[in-house]
Amino acid sequence: MRYAIIYVSADDEADTIKKLTALNYVKQVVPSKLNELVKEVQGKDPTELDEKFEEDFND
């Protein structure tokens, strides 16, 4: 497998994706979902997350 990880500014994301998908040798462009994951976890009680993990793990 050949792949590349490219870090770009959020302001340039849409333009960069458009340019990459226009290249004939680029098969797929997958943007990161890290910001969505961080927002989902922010503000949650860490002990609550630990309890849910233990429940899922012990089942």
C-alpha atoms as a PDB file:
ATOM      1  CA  MET A   1       0.000   0.000   0.000  1.00  0.00           C
ATOM      2  CA  ARG A   2       1.188   3.470  -0.800  1.00  0.00           C
ATOM      3  CA  TYR A   3      -0.289   6.362   1.059  1.00  0.00           C
ATOM      4  CA  ALA A   4       0.563   9.807   2.350  1.00  0.00           C
ATOM      5  CA  ILE A   5      -0.517  11.805   5.347  1.00  0.00           C
ATOM      6  CA  ILE A   6      -0.672  15.511   4.617  1.00  0.00           C
ATOM      7  CA  TYR A   7      -1.272  18.149   7.266  1.00  0.00           C
ATOM      8  CA  VAL A   8      -2.928  21.333   6.004  1.00  0.00           C
ATOM      9  CA  SER A   9      -4.580  24.325   7.589  1.00  0.00           C
ATOM     10  CA  ALA A  10      -8.330  24.002   8.115  1.00  0.00           C
ATOM     11  CA  ASP A  11      -8.724  27.093   5.945  1.00  0.00           C
ATOM     12  CA  ASP A  12      -7.024  25.334   3.019  1.00  0.00           C
ATOM     13  CA  GLU A  13      -8.703  21.939   3.505  1.00  0.00           C
ATOM     14  CA  ALA A  14     -11.399  22.180   0.819  1.00  0.00           C
ATOM     15  CA  ASP A  15      -9.028  23.620  -1.792  1.00  0.00           C
ATOM     16  CA  THR A  16      -6.379  20.988  -1.068  1.00  0.00           C
ATOM     17  CA  ILE A  17      -8.895  18.124  -1.285  1.00  0.00           C
ATOM     18  CA  LYS A  18     -10.148  19.455  -4.618  1.00  0.00           C
ATOM     19  CA  LYS A  19      -6.605  19.654  -6.003  1.00  0.00           C
ATOM     20  CA  LEU A  20      -5.666  16.182  -4.767  1.00  0.00           C
ATOM     21  CA  THR A  21      -8.770  14.493  -6.164  1.00  0.00           C
ATOM     22  CA  ALA A  22      -8.085  16.112  -9.540  1.00  0.00           C
ATOM     23  CA  LEU A  23      -4.780  14.229  -9.791  1.00  0.00           C
ATOM     24  CA  ASN A  24      -5.135  11.047 -11.839  1.00  0.00           C
ATOM     25  CA  TYR A  25      -2.839   9.006  -9.581  1.00  0.00           C
ATOM     26  CA  VAL A  26      -4.765   9.822  -6.377  1.00  0.00           C
ATOM     27  CA  LYS A  27      -7.385   7.162  -5.731  1.00  0.00           C
ATOM     28  CA  GLN A  28      -8.904   8.418  -2.509  1.00  0.00           C
ATOM     29  CA  VAL A  29      -8.753  11.431  -0.181  1.00  0.00           C
ATOM     30  CA  VAL A  30      -9.948  10.876   3.386  1.00  0.00           C
ATOM     31  CA  PRO A  31     -10.098  13.908   5.677  1.00  0.00           C
ATOM     32  CA  SER A  32      -9.370  13.401   9.355  1.00  0.00           C
ATOM     33  CA  LYS A  33     -12.232  13.227  11.839  1.00  0.00           C
ATOM     34  CA  LEU A  34      -9.999  14.161  14.786  1.00  0.00           C
ATOM     35  CA  ASN A  35     -11.708  17.503  15.434  1.00  0.00           C
ATOM     36  CA  GLU A  36     -15.094  15.801  15.627  1.00  0.00           C
ATOM     37  CA  LEU A  37     -13.760  13.228  18.078  1.00  0.00           C
ATOM     38  CA  VAL A  38     -12.187  15.880  20.281  1.00  0.00           C
ATOM     39  CA  LYS A  39     -15.463  17.848  20.386  1.00  0.00           C
ATOM     40  CA  GLU A  40     -17.366  14.678  21.261  1.00  0.00           C
ATOM     41  CA  VAL A  41     -15.115  13.894  24.221  1.00  0.00           C
ATOM     42  CA  GLN A  42     -14.665  17.447  25.503  1.00  0.00           C
ATOM     43  CA  GLY A  43     -16.786  18.306  28.474  1.00  0.00           C
ATOM     44  CA  LYS A  44     -17.455  14.714  29.452  1.00  0.00           C
ATOM     45  CA  ASP A  45     -16.545  13.492  32.899  1.00  0.00           C
ATOM     46  CA  PRO A  46     -13.423  11.276  32.604  1.00  0.00           C
ATOM     47  CA  THR A  47     -14.671   8.948  35.342  1.00  0.00           C
ATOM     48  CA  GLU A  48     -17.899   8.449  33.386  1.00  0.00           C
ATOM     49  CA  LEU A  49     -15.879   7.354  30.360  1.00  0.00           C
ATOM     50  CA  ASP A  50     -13.889   4.930  32.543  1.00  0.00           C
ATOM     51  CA  GLU A  51     -17.093   3.394  33.937  1.00  0.00           C
ATOM     52  CA  LYS A  52     -18.525   2.897  30.437  1.00  0.00           C
ATOM     53  CA  PHE A  53     -15.279   1.263  29.327  1.00  0.00           C
ATOM     54  CA  GLU A  54     -15.326  -1.119  32.288  1.00  0.00           C
ATOM     55  CA  GLU A  55     -18.977  -2.020  31.560  1.00  0.00           C
ATOM     56  CA  ASP A  56     -18.222  -2.748  27.921  1.00  0.00           C
ATOM     57  CA  PHE A  57     -15.055  -4.638  28.754  1.00  0.00           C
ATOM     58  CA  ASN A  58     -16.584  -6.813  31.469  1.00  0.00           C
ATOM     59  CA  ASP A  59     -19.649  -7.885  29.461  1.00  0.00           C
END
